[in-house]
């Protein structure tokens, strides 16, 4: 067969769930093989957040990172229109407040 890159063999996905079609969505990690939500997996509460996979244990995320232990740059997590103002690298099994800031708008 042809050589070259193979399609990504992803078994995990972040599923966006909207309450009644609202813009804000809850995001939960889902295992495509077991067809179940991942216990203790990545979770983003309802918001206008966005996520992407870096690898199986890391997300790039635009969301609210405020809360206990939040870094100083999270004082204004949202734009005037309600979208994330910062983009962060978020490692599995760590609170979002400990994620690394990579972009601030």
PDB file of N, CA and C in Angstrom:
ATOM      1  N   UNK A   1       0.813  -1.176   0.000  1.00  0.00           N
ATOM      2  CA  UNK A   1       0.000   0.000   0.000  1.00  0.00           C
ATOM      3  C   UNK A   1       0.861   1.245   0.000  1.00  0.00           C
ATOM      4  N   UNK A   2       0.242   2.390  -0.125  1.00  0.00           N
ATOM      5  CA  UNK A   2       0.988   3.643  -0.175  1.00  0.00           C
ATOM      6  C   UNK A   2       1.642   3.965   1.159  1.00  0.00           C
ATOM      7  N   UNK A   3       2.837   4.557   1.078  1.00  0.00           N
ATOM      8  CA  UNK A   3       3.531   5.015   2.273  1.00  0.00           C
ATOM      9  C   UNK A   3       3.079   6.430   2.591  1.00  0.00           C
ATOM     10  N   UNK A   4       3.372   6.867   3.772  1.00  0.00           N
ATOM     11  CA  UNK A   4       3.027   8.232   4.142  1.00  0.00           C
ATOM     12  C   UNK A   4       2.220   8.264   5.415  1.00  0.00           C
ATOM     13  N   UNK A   5       1.786   9.449   5.785  1.00  0.00           N
ATOM     14  CA  UNK A   5       1.044   9.596   7.036  1.00  0.00           C
ATOM     15  C   UNK A   5      -0.247   8.790   7.026  1.00  0.00           C
ATOM     16  N   UNK A   6      -0.542   8.187   8.142  1.00  0.00           N
ATOM     17  CA  UNK A   6      -1.787   7.437   8.307  1.00  0.00           C
ATOM     18  C   UNK A   6      -2.819   8.334   8.988  1.00  0.00           C
ATOM     19  N   UNK A   7      -4.102   8.106   8.751  1.00  0.00           N
ATOM     20  CA  UNK A   7      -5.120   8.893   9.448  1.00  0.00           C
ATOM     21  C   UNK A   7      -4.975   8.732  10.957  1.00  0.00           C
ATOM     22  N   UNK A   8      -5.258   9.776  11.679  1.00  0.00           N
ATOM     23  CA  UNK A   8      -5.173   9.735  13.139  1.00  0.00           C
ATOM     24  C   UNK A   8      -6.142   8.682  13.675  1.00  0.00           C
ATOM     25  N   UNK A   9      -5.639   7.825  14.527  1.00  0.00           N
ATOM     26  CA  UNK A   9      -6.458   6.768  15.114  1.00  0.00           C
ATOM     27  C   UNK A   9      -7.019   7.244  16.454  1.00  0.00           C
ATOM     28  N   UNK A  10      -7.885   8.227  16.408  1.00  0.00           N
ATOM     29  CA  UNK A  10      -8.428   8.841  17.623  1.00  0.00           C
ATOM     30  C   UNK A  10      -9.494   7.956  18.243  1.00  0.00           C
ATOM     31  N   UNK A  11      -9.404   7.802  19.560  1.00  0.00           N
ATOM     32  CA  UNK A  11     -10.474   7.108  20.272  1.00  0.00           C
ATOM     33  C   UNK A  11     -11.180   8.042  21.243  1.00  0.00           C
ATOM     34  N   UNK A  12     -10.648   9.251  21.414  1.00  0.00           N
ATOM     35  CA  UNK A  12     -11.237  10.223  22.325  1.00  0.00           C
ATOM     36  C   UNK A  12     -11.732  11.434  21.553  1.00  0.00           C
ATOM     37  N   UNK A  13     -12.815  12.015  22.038  1.00  0.00           N
ATOM     38  CA  UNK A  13     -13.370  13.223  21.422  1.00  0.00           C
ATOM     39  C   UNK A  13     -13.924  14.116  22.518  1.00  0.00           C
ATOM     40  N   UNK A  14     -13.974  15.402  22.242  1.00  0.00           N
ATOM     41  CA  UNK A  14     -14.665  16.334  23.123  1.00  0.00           C
ATOM     42  C   UNK A  14     -16.028  16.585  22.495  1.00  0.00           C
ATOM     43  N   UNK A  15     -17.081  16.215  23.203  1.00  0.00           N
ATOM     44  CA  UNK A  15     -18.447  16.345  22.712  1.00  0.00           C
ATOM     45  C   UNK A  15     -19.043  17.631  23.265  1.00  0.00           C
ATOM     46  N   UNK A  16     -19.642  18.418  22.371  1.00  0.00           N
ATOM     47  CA  UNK A  16     -20.286  19.674  22.755  1.00  0.00           C
ATOM     48  C   UNK A  16     -21.779  19.428  22.937  1.00  0.00           C
ATOM     49  N   UNK A  17     -22.299  19.781  24.113  1.00  0.00           N
ATOM     50  CA  UNK A  17     -23.713  19.591  24.432  1.00  0.00           C
ATOM     51  C   UNK A  17     -24.345  20.946  24.705  1.00  0.00           C
ATOM     52  N   UNK A  18     -25.424  21.241  24.002  1.00  0.00           N
ATOM     53  CA  UNK A  18     -26.101  22.525  24.141  1.00  0.00           C
ATOM     54  C   UNK A  18     -27.472  22.327  24.772  1.00  0.00           C
ATOM     55  N   UNK A  19     -27.796  23.156  25.738  1.00  0.00           N
ATOM     56  CA  UNK A  19     -29.106  23.114  26.389  1.00  0.00           C
ATOM     57  C   UNK A  19     -30.095  23.918  25.549  1.00  0.00           C
ATOM     58  N   UNK A  20     -30.954  23.235  24.828  1.00  0.00           N
ATOM     59  CA  UNK A  20     -31.987  23.900  24.045  1.00  0.00           C
ATOM     60  C   UNK A  20     -31.476  24.741  22.893  1.00  0.00           C
ATOM     61  N   UNK A  21     -30.308  24.431  22.365  1.00  0.00           N
ATOM     62  CA  UNK A  21     -29.772  25.166  21.224  1.00  0.00           C
ATOM     63  C   UNK A  21     -29.077  26.465  21.571  1.00  0.00           C
ATOM     64  N   UNK A  22     -28.787  26.692  22.841  1.00  0.00           N
ATOM     65  CA  UNK A  22     -28.078  27.910  23.249  1.00  0.00           C
ATOM     66  C   UNK A  22     -26.675  27.932  22.657  1.00  0.00           C
ATOM     67  N   UNK A  23     -26.098  29.141  22.524  1.00  0.00           N
ATOM     68  CA  UNK A  23     -24.724  29.279  22.037  1.00  0.00           C
ATOM     69  C   UNK A  23     -23.728  28.631  22.989  1.00  0.00           C
ATOM     70  N   UNK A  24     -23.976  28.757  24.281  1.00  0.00           N
ATOM     71  CA  UNK A  24     -23.078  28.168  25.273  1.00  0.00           C
ATOM     72  C   UNK A  24     -23.226  26.649  25.254  1.00  0.00           C
ATOM     73  N   UNK A  25     -22.094  25.947  25.221  1.00  0.00           N
ATOM     74  CA  UNK A  25     -22.111  24.489  25.220  1.00  0.00           C
ATOM     75  C   UNK A  25     -21.252  23.952  26.355  1.00  0.00           C
ATOM     76  N   UNK A  26     -21.678  22.828  26.890  1.00  0.00           N
ATOM     77  CA  UNK A  26     -20.891  22.061  27.852  1.00  0.00           C
ATOM     78  C   UNK A  26     -20.048  21.101  27.025  1.00  0.00           C
ATOM     79  N   UNK A  27     -18.777  20.904  27.381  1.00  0.00           N
ATOM     80  CA  UNK A  27     -17.924  19.975  26.644  1.00  0.00           C
ATOM     81  C   UNK A  27     -17.452  18.875  27.572  1.00  0.00           C
ATOM     82  N   UNK A  28     -17.627  17.627  27.115  1.00  0.00           N
ATOM     83  CA  UNK A  28     -17.238  16.465  27.909  1.00  0.00           C
ATOM     84  C   UNK A  28     -16.434  15.507  27.053  1.00  0.00           C
ATOM     85  N   UNK A  29     -15.418  14.909  27.668  1.00  0.00           N
ATOM     86  CA  UNK A  29     -14.581  13.937  26.969  1.00  0.00           C
ATOM     87  C   UNK A  29     -15.354  12.634  26.785  1.00  0.00           C
ATOM     88  N   UNK A  30     -15.284  12.083  25.572  1.00  0.00           N
ATOM     89  CA  UNK A  30     -16.058  10.901  25.200  1.00  0.00           C
ATOM     90  C   UNK A  30     -15.135   9.878  24.558  1.00  0.00           C
ATOM     91  N   UNK A  31     -15.270   8.607  24.962  1.00  0.00           N
ATOM     92  CA  UNK A  31     -14.484   7.522  24.386  1.00  0.00           C
ATOM     93  C   UNK A  31     -15.290   6.904  23.248  1.00  0.00           C
ATOM     94  N   UNK A  32     -14.774   6.995  22.027  1.00  0.00           N
ATOM     95  CA  UNK A  32     -15.488   6.509  20.849  1.00  0.00           C
ATOM     96  C   UNK A  32     -15.519   4.987  20.766  1.00  0.00           C
ATOM     97  N   UNK A  33     -14.556   4.315  21.418  1.00  0.00           N
ATOM     98  CA  UNK A  33     -14.539   2.852  21.397  1.00  0.00           C
ATOM     99  C   UNK A  33     -15.573   2.270  22.357  1.00  0.00           C
ATOM    100  N   UNK A  34     -15.633   2.808  23.579  1.00  0.00           N
ATOM    101  CA  UNK A  34     -16.572   2.284  24.580  1.00  0.00           C
ATOM    102  C   UNK A  34     -17.936   2.965  24.497  1.00  0.00           C
ATOM    103  N   UNK A  35     -18.004   4.033  23.707  1.00  0.00           N
ATOM    104  CA  UNK A  35     -19.235   4.812  23.541  1.00  0.00           C
ATOM    105  C   UNK A  35     -19.763   5.306  24.891  1.00  0.00           C
ATOM    106  N   UNK A  36     -18.835   5.883  25.667  1.00  0.00           N
ATOM    107  CA  UNK A  36     -19.208   6.395  26.983  1.00  0.00           C
ATOM    108  C   UNK A  36     -18.364   7.624  27.319  1.00  0.00           C
ATOM    109  N   UNK A  37     -18.905   8.454  28.219  1.00  0.00           N
ATOM    110  CA  UNK A  37     -18.138   9.595  28.692  1.00  0.00           C
ATOM    111  C   UNK A  37     -17.006   9.090  29.576  1.00  0.00           C
ATOM    112  N   UNK A  38     -15.860   9.761  29.512  1.00  0.00           N
ATOM    113  CA  UNK A  38     -14.677   9.368  30.269  1.00  0.00           C
ATOM    114  C   UNK A  38     -14.827   9.838  31.714  1.00  0.00           C
ATOM    115  N   UNK A  39     -14.806   8.903  32.652  1.00  0.00           N
ATOM    116  CA  UNK A  39     -14.888   9.235  34.074  1.00  0.00           C
ATOM    117  C   UNK A  39     -13.652  10.041  34.473  1.00  0.00           C
ATOM    118  N   UNK A  40     -13.861  11.230  35.024  1.00  0.00           N
ATOM    119  CA  UNK A  40     -12.742  12.086  35.408  1.00  0.00           C
ATOM    120  C   UNK A  40     -12.045  12.735  34.231  1.00  0.00           C
ATOM    121  N   UNK A  41     -12.652  12.658  33.047  1.00  0.00           N
ATOM    122  CA  UNK A  41     -12.047  13.217  31.842  1.00  0.00           C
ATOM    123  C   UNK A  41     -12.168  14.728  31.773  1.00  0.00           C
ATOM    124  N   UNK A  42     -11.659  15.293  30.685  1.00  0.00           N
ATOM    125  CA  UNK A  42     -11.761  16.735  30.478  1.00  0.00           C
ATOM    126  C   UNK A  42     -13.231  17.154  30.507  1.00  0.00           C
ATOM    127  N   UNK A  43     -13.497  18.283  31.141  1.00  0.00           N
ATOM    128  CA  UNK A  43     -14.852  18.822  31.219  1.00  0.00           C
ATOM    129  C   UNK A  43     -14.772  20.345  31.224  1.00  0.00           C
ATOM    130  N   UNK A  44     -15.558  20.972  30.359  1.00  0.00           N
ATOM    131  CA  UNK A  44     -15.661  22.432  30.312  1.00  0.00           C
ATOM    132  C   UNK A  44     -17.127  22.775  30.556  1.00  0.00           C
ATOM    133  N   UNK A  45     -17.423  23.564  31.611  1.00  0.00           N
ATOM    134  CA  UNK A  45     -18.813  23.917  31.895  1.00  0.00           C
ATOM    135  C   UNK A  45     -19.435  24.743  30.769  1.00  0.00           C
ATOM    136  N   UNK A  46     -20.754  24.875  30.753  1.00  0.00           N
ATOM    137  CA  UNK A  46     -21.420  25.622  29.684  1.00  0.00           C
ATOM    138  C   UNK A  46     -20.836  27.020  29.497  1.00  0.00           C
ATOM    139  N   UNK A  47     -20.413  27.292  28.267  1.00  0.00           N
ATOM    140  CA  UNK A  47     -19.802  28.573  27.900  1.00  0.00           C
ATOM    141  C   UNK A  47     -19.616  28.583  26.388  1.00  0.00           C
ATOM    142  N   UNK A  48     -19.097  29.685  25.869  1.00  0.00           N
ATOM    143  CA  UNK A  48     -18.778  29.777  24.437  1.00  0.00           C
ATOM    144  C   UNK A  48     -17.306  29.415  24.235  1.00  0.00           C
ATOM    145  N   UNK A  49     -16.874  28.342  24.846  1.00  0.00           N
ATOM    146  CA  UNK A  49     -15.485  27.891  24.800  1.00  0.00           C
ATOM    147  C   UNK A  49     -15.198  27.111  23.526  1.00  0.00           C
ATOM    148  N   UNK A  50     -13.919  26.947  23.237  1.00  0.00           N
ATOM    149  CA  UNK A  50     -13.467  26.138  22.111  1.00  0.00           C
ATOM    150  C   UNK A  50     -12.294  25.293  22.583  1.00  0.00           C
ATOM    151  N   UNK A  51     -12.182  24.060  22.060  1.00  0.00           N
ATOM    152  CA  UNK A  51     -11.070  23.185  22.410  1.00  0.00           C
ATOM    153  C   UNK A  51     -10.550  22.475  21.174  1.00  0.00           C
ATOM    154  N   UNK A  52      -9.314  22.019  21.248  1.00  0.00           N
ATOM    155  CA  UNK A  52      -8.704  21.179  20.232  1.00  0.00           C
ATOM    156  C   UNK A  52      -7.694  20.271  20.911  1.00  0.00           C
ATOM    157  N   UNK A  53      -7.457  19.118  20.320  1.00  0.00           N
ATOM    158  CA  UNK A  53      -6.503  18.170  20.895  1.00  0.00           C
ATOM    159  C   UNK A  53      -5.091  18.512  20.469  1.00  0.00           C
ATOM    160  N   UNK A  54      -4.155  18.491  21.413  1.00  0.00           N
ATOM    161  CA  UNK A  54      -2.722  18.569  21.125  1.00  0.00           C
ATOM    162  C   UNK A  54      -2.196  17.139  21.052  1.00  0.00           C
ATOM    163  N   UNK A  55      -2.537  16.344  22.056  1.00  0.00           N
ATOM    164  CA  UNK A  55      -2.260  14.909  22.093  1.00  0.00           C
ATOM    165  C   UNK A  55      -3.297  14.278  23.020  1.00  0.00           C
ATOM    166  N   UNK A  56      -3.181  12.995  23.308  1.00  0.00           N
ATOM    167  CA  UNK A  56      -4.206  12.298  24.087  1.00  0.00           C
ATOM    168  C   UNK A  56      -4.357  12.824  25.509  1.00  0.00           C
ATOM    169  N   UNK A  57      -3.376  13.570  25.991  1.00  0.00           N
ATOM    170  CA  UNK A  57      -3.419  14.070  27.362  1.00  0.00           C
ATOM    171  C   UNK A  57      -3.382  15.585  27.466  1.00  0.00           C
ATOM    172  N   UNK A  58      -3.553  16.268  26.338  1.00  0.00           N
ATOM    173  CA  UNK A  58      -3.425  17.724  26.338  1.00  0.00           C
ATOM    174  C   UNK A  58      -4.436  18.350  25.386  1.00  0.00           C
ATOM    175  N   UNK A  59      -5.094  19.408  25.870  1.00  0.00           N
ATOM    176  CA  UNK A  59      -6.001  20.199  25.036  1.00  0.00           C
ATOM    177  C   UNK A  59      -5.449  21.602  24.876  1.00  0.00           C
ATOM    178  N   UNK A  60      -5.773  22.234  23.754  1.00  0.00           N
ATOM    179  CA  UNK A  60      -5.612  23.677  23.619  1.00  0.00           C
ATOM    180  C   UNK A  60      -7.026  24.224  23.764  1.00  0.00           C
ATOM    181  N   UNK A  61      -7.197  25.190  24.650  1.00  0.00           N
ATOM    182  CA  UNK A  61      -8.547  25.583  25.033  1.00  0.00           C
ATOM    183  C   UNK A  61      -8.670  27.088  25.188  1.00  0.00           C
ATOM    184  N   UNK A  62      -9.773  27.603  24.689  1.00  0.00           N
ATOM    185  CA  UNK A  62     -10.157  28.983  24.942  1.00  0.00           C
ATOM    186  C   UNK A  62     -11.373  28.928  25.842  1.00  0.00           C
ATOM    187  N   UNK A  63     -11.200  29.256  27.114  1.00  0.00           N
ATOM    188  CA  UNK A  63     -12.304  29.199  28.073  1.00  0.00           C
ATOM    189  C   UNK A  63     -11.976  30.037  29.290  1.00  0.00           C
ATOM    190  N   UNK A  64     -12.868  30.049  30.238  1.00  0.00           N
ATOM    191  CA  UNK A  64     -12.682  30.744  31.506  1.00  0.00           C
ATOM    192  C   UNK A  64     -11.767  29.917  32.401  1.00  0.00           C
ATOM    193  N   UNK A  65     -10.673  30.502  32.854  1.00  0.00           N
ATOM    194  CA  UNK A  65      -9.754  29.798  33.756  1.00  0.00           C
ATOM    195  C   UNK A  65      -9.728  30.457  35.127  1.00  0.00           C
ATOM    196  N   UNK A  66     -10.798  31.158  35.475  1.00  0.00           N
ATOM    197  CA  UNK A  66     -10.842  31.816  36.778  1.00  0.00           C
ATOM    198  C   UNK A  66     -11.169  30.805  37.868  1.00  0.00           C
ATOM    199  N   UNK A  67     -11.059  31.243  39.081  1.00  0.00           N
ATOM    200  CA  UNK A  67     -11.344  30.377  40.217  1.00  0.00           C
ATOM    201  C   UNK A  67     -10.172  30.365  41.177  1.00  0.00           C
ATOM    202  N   UNK A  68     -10.256  29.550  42.197  1.00  0.00           N
ATOM    203  CA  UNK A  68      -9.182  29.462  43.180  1.00  0.00           C
ATOM    204  C   UNK A  68      -7.876  29.069  42.511  1.00  0.00           C
ATOM    205  N   UNK A  69      -6.823  29.814  42.790  1.00  0.00           N
ATOM    206  CA  UNK A  69      -5.511  29.528  42.230  1.00  0.00           C
ATOM    207  C   UNK A  69      -5.335  30.004  40.808  1.00  0.00           C
ATOM    208  N   UNK A  70      -6.278  30.781  40.288  1.00  0.00           N
ATOM    209  CA  UNK A  70      -6.197  31.247  38.904  1.00  0.00           C
ATOM    210  C   UNK A  70      -5.085  32.275  38.750  1.00  0.00           C
ATOM    211  N   UNK A  71      -4.385  32.258  37.608  1.00  0.00           N
ATOM    212  CA  UNK A  71      -3.344  33.251  37.361  1.00  0.00           C
ATOM    213  C   UNK A  71      -3.934  34.648  37.184  1.00  0.00           C
ATOM    214  N   UNK A  72      -3.099  35.651  37.315  1.00  0.00           N
ATOM    215  CA  UNK A  72      -3.520  37.052  37.237  1.00  0.00           C
ATOM    216  C   UNK A  72      -4.203  37.380  35.909  1.00  0.00           C
ATOM    217  N   UNK A  73      -3.794  36.739  34.806  1.00  0.00           N
ATOM    218  CA  UNK A  73      -4.329  37.083  33.481  1.00  0.00           C
ATOM    219  C   UNK A  73      -5.781  36.666  33.283  1.00  0.00           C
ATOM    220  N   UNK A  74      -6.396  36.044  34.260  1.00  0.00           N
ATOM    221  CA  UNK A  74      -7.777  35.585  34.099  1.00  0.00           C
ATOM    222  C   UNK A  74      -8.799  36.558  34.675  1.00  0.00           C
ATOM    223  N   UNK A  75      -8.393  37.768  34.985  1.00  0.00           N
ATOM    224  CA  UNK A  75      -9.329  38.743  35.555  1.00  0.00           C
ATOM    225  C   UNK A  75     -10.477  39.050  34.586  1.00  0.00           C
ATOM    226  N   UNK A  76     -10.205  39.077  33.296  1.00  0.00           N
ATOM    227  CA  UNK A  76     -11.220  39.336  32.266  1.00  0.00           C
ATOM    228  C   UNK A  76     -11.194  38.176  31.269  1.00  0.00           C
ATOM    229  N   UNK A  77     -11.816  37.022  31.604  1.00  0.00           N
ATOM    230  CA  UNK A  77     -11.692  35.848  30.746  1.00  0.00           C
ATOM    231  C   UNK A  77     -12.476  35.916  29.441  1.00  0.00           C
ATOM    232  N   UNK A  78     -13.449  36.835  29.334  1.00  0.00           N
ATOM    233  CA  UNK A  78     -14.332  36.867  28.165  1.00  0.00           C
ATOM    234  C   UNK A  78     -14.259  38.219  27.458  1.00  0.00           C
ATOM    235  N   UNK A  79     -14.485  38.202  26.152  1.00  0.00           N
ATOM    236  CA  UNK A  79     -14.617  39.441  25.394  1.00  0.00           C
ATOM    237  C   UNK A  79     -15.995  40.033  25.680  1.00  0.00           C
ATOM    238  N   UNK A  80     -16.244  41.233  25.187  1.00  0.00           N
ATOM    239  CA  UNK A  80     -17.555  41.863  25.381  1.00  0.00           C
ATOM    240  C   UNK A  80     -18.691  41.031  24.785  1.00  0.00           C
ATOM    241  N   UNK A  81     -18.388  40.235  23.748  1.00  0.00           N
ATOM    242  CA  UNK A  81     -19.423  39.406  23.120  1.00  0.00           C
ATOM    243  C   UNK A  81     -19.531  38.018  23.752  1.00  0.00           C
ATOM    244  N   UNK A  82     -18.764  37.763  24.814  1.00  0.00           N
ATOM    245  CA  UNK A  82     -18.907  36.512  25.544  1.00  0.00           C
ATOM    246  C   UNK A  82     -18.036  35.366  25.083  1.00  0.00           C
ATOM    247  N   UNK A  83     -17.020  35.651  24.262  1.00  0.00           N
ATOM    248  CA  UNK A  83     -16.116  34.606  23.799  1.00  0.00           C
ATOM    249  C   UNK A  83     -14.816  34.644  24.593  1.00  0.00           C
ATOM    250  N   UNK A  84     -14.055  33.534  24.612  1.00  0.00           N
ATOM    251  CA  UNK A  84     -12.816  33.493  25.392  1.00  0.00           C
ATOM    252  C   UNK A  84     -11.802  34.529  24.916  1.00  0.00           C
ATOM    253  N   UNK A  85     -11.101  35.128  25.870  1.00  0.00           N
ATOM    254  CA  UNK A  85     -10.075  36.122  25.579  1.00  0.00           C
ATOM    255  C   UNK A  85      -8.675  35.517  25.613  1.00  0.00           C
ATOM    256  N   UNK A  86      -8.547  34.337  26.201  1.00  0.00           N
ATOM    257  CA  UNK A  86      -7.244  33.686  26.300  1.00  0.00           C
ATOM    258  C   UNK A  86      -7.302  32.278  25.716  1.00  0.00           C
ATOM    259  N   UNK A  87      -6.138  31.809  25.265  1.00  0.00           N
ATOM    260  CA  UNK A  87      -5.974  30.438  24.789  1.00  0.00           C
ATOM    261  C   UNK A  87      -4.890  29.806  25.655  1.00  0.00           C
ATOM    262  N   UNK A  88      -5.139  28.571  26.087  1.00  0.00           N
ATOM    263  CA  UNK A  88      -4.247  27.914  27.038  1.00  0.00           C
ATOM    264  C   UNK A  88      -3.973  26.466  26.634  1.00  0.00           C
ATOM    265  N   UNK A  89      -2.871  25.940  27.141  1.00  0.00           N
ATOM    266  CA  UNK A  89      -2.558  24.518  27.020  1.00  0.00           C
ATOM    267  C   UNK A  89      -2.947  23.871  28.344  1.00  0.00           C
ATOM    268  N   UNK A  90      -3.828  22.873  28.279  1.00  0.00           N
ATOM    269  CA  UNK A  90      -4.388  22.250  29.484  1.00  0.00           C
ATOM    270  C   UNK A  90      -4.021  20.772  29.506  1.00  0.00           C
ATOM    271  N   UNK A  91      -3.263  20.376  30.514  1.00  0.00           N
ATOM    272  CA  UNK A  91      -2.827  18.987  30.684  1.00  0.00           C
ATOM    273  C   UNK A  91      -3.866  18.188  31.473  1.00  0.00           C
ATOM    274  N   UNK A  92      -4.004  16.940  31.107  1.00  0.00           N
ATOM    275  CA  UNK A  92      -4.933  16.037  31.789  1.00  0.00           C
ATOM    276  C   UNK A  92      -4.617  15.981  33.289  1.00  0.00           C
ATOM    277  N   UNK A  93      -5.659  15.813  34.097  1.00  0.00           N
ATOM    278  CA  UNK A  93      -5.559  15.679  35.556  1.00  0.00           C
ATOM    279  C   UNK A  93      -5.002  16.910  36.261  1.00  0.00           C
ATOM    280  N   UNK A  94      -5.121  18.067  35.621  1.00  0.00           N
ATOM    281  CA  UNK A  94      -4.751  19.323  36.276  1.00  0.00           C
ATOM    282  C   UNK A  94      -5.938  20.273  36.178  1.00  0.00           C
ATOM    283  N   UNK A  95      -6.102  21.144  37.171  1.00  0.00           N
ATOM    284  CA  UNK A  95      -7.188  22.120  37.075  1.00  0.00           C
ATOM    285  C   UNK A  95      -6.909  23.130  35.961  1.00  0.00           C
ATOM    286  N   UNK A  96      -7.959  23.613  35.334  1.00  0.00           N
ATOM    287  CA  UNK A  96      -7.806  24.601  34.260  1.00  0.00           C
ATOM    288  C   UNK A  96      -7.036  25.824  34.749  1.00  0.00           C
ATOM    289  N   UNK A  97      -7.132  26.129  36.039  1.00  0.00           N
ATOM    290  CA  UNK A  97      -6.432  27.288  36.589  1.00  0.00           C
ATOM    291  C   UNK A  97      -4.915  27.136  36.503  1.00  0.00           C
ATOM    292  N   UNK A  98      -4.416  25.914  36.317  1.00  0.00           N
ATOM    293  CA  UNK A  98      -2.977  25.680  36.192  1.00  0.00           C
ATOM    294  C   UNK A  98      -2.535  25.546  34.736  1.00  0.00           C
ATOM    295  N   UNK A  99      -3.439  25.791  33.802  1.00  0.00           N
ATOM    296  CA  UNK A  99      -3.088  25.680  32.387  1.00  0.00           C
ATOM    297  C   UNK A  99      -2.143  26.808  31.982  1.00  0.00           C
ATOM    298  N   UNK A 100      -1.366  26.551  30.932  1.00  0.00           N
ATOM    299  CA  UNK A 100      -0.355  27.508  30.477  1.00  0.00           C
ATOM    300  C   UNK A 100      -0.952  28.466  29.442  1.00  0.00           C
ATOM    301  N   UNK A 101      -0.842  29.755  29.698  1.00  0.00           N
ATOM    302  CA  UNK A 101      -1.312  30.781  28.765  1.00  0.00           C
ATOM    303  C   UNK A 101      -0.417  30.793  27.528  1.00  0.00           C
ATOM    304  N   UNK A 102      -1.026  30.710  26.325  1.00  0.00           N
ATOM    305  CA  UNK A 102      -0.249  30.772  25.084  1.00  0.00           C
ATOM    306  C   UNK A 102      -0.663  31.941  24.194  1.00  0.00           C
ATOM    307  N   UNK A 103      -1.848  32.511  24.442  1.00  0.00           N
ATOM    308  CA  UNK A 103      -2.296  33.668  23.663  1.00  0.00           C
ATOM    309  C   UNK A 103      -3.303  34.451  24.478  1.00  0.00           C
ATOM    310  N   UNK A 104      -3.215  35.769  24.365  1.00  0.00           N
ATOM    311  CA  UNK A 104      -4.164  36.646  25.042  1.00  0.00           C
ATOM    312  C   UNK A 104      -4.595  37.732  24.076  1.00  0.00           C
ATOM    313  N   UNK A 105      -5.914  37.881  23.884  1.00  0.00           N
ATOM    314  CA  UNK A 105      -6.432  38.870  22.953  1.00  0.00           C
ATOM    315  C   UNK A 105      -6.946  40.101  23.644  1.00  0.00           C
TER     316      UNK A 105
END
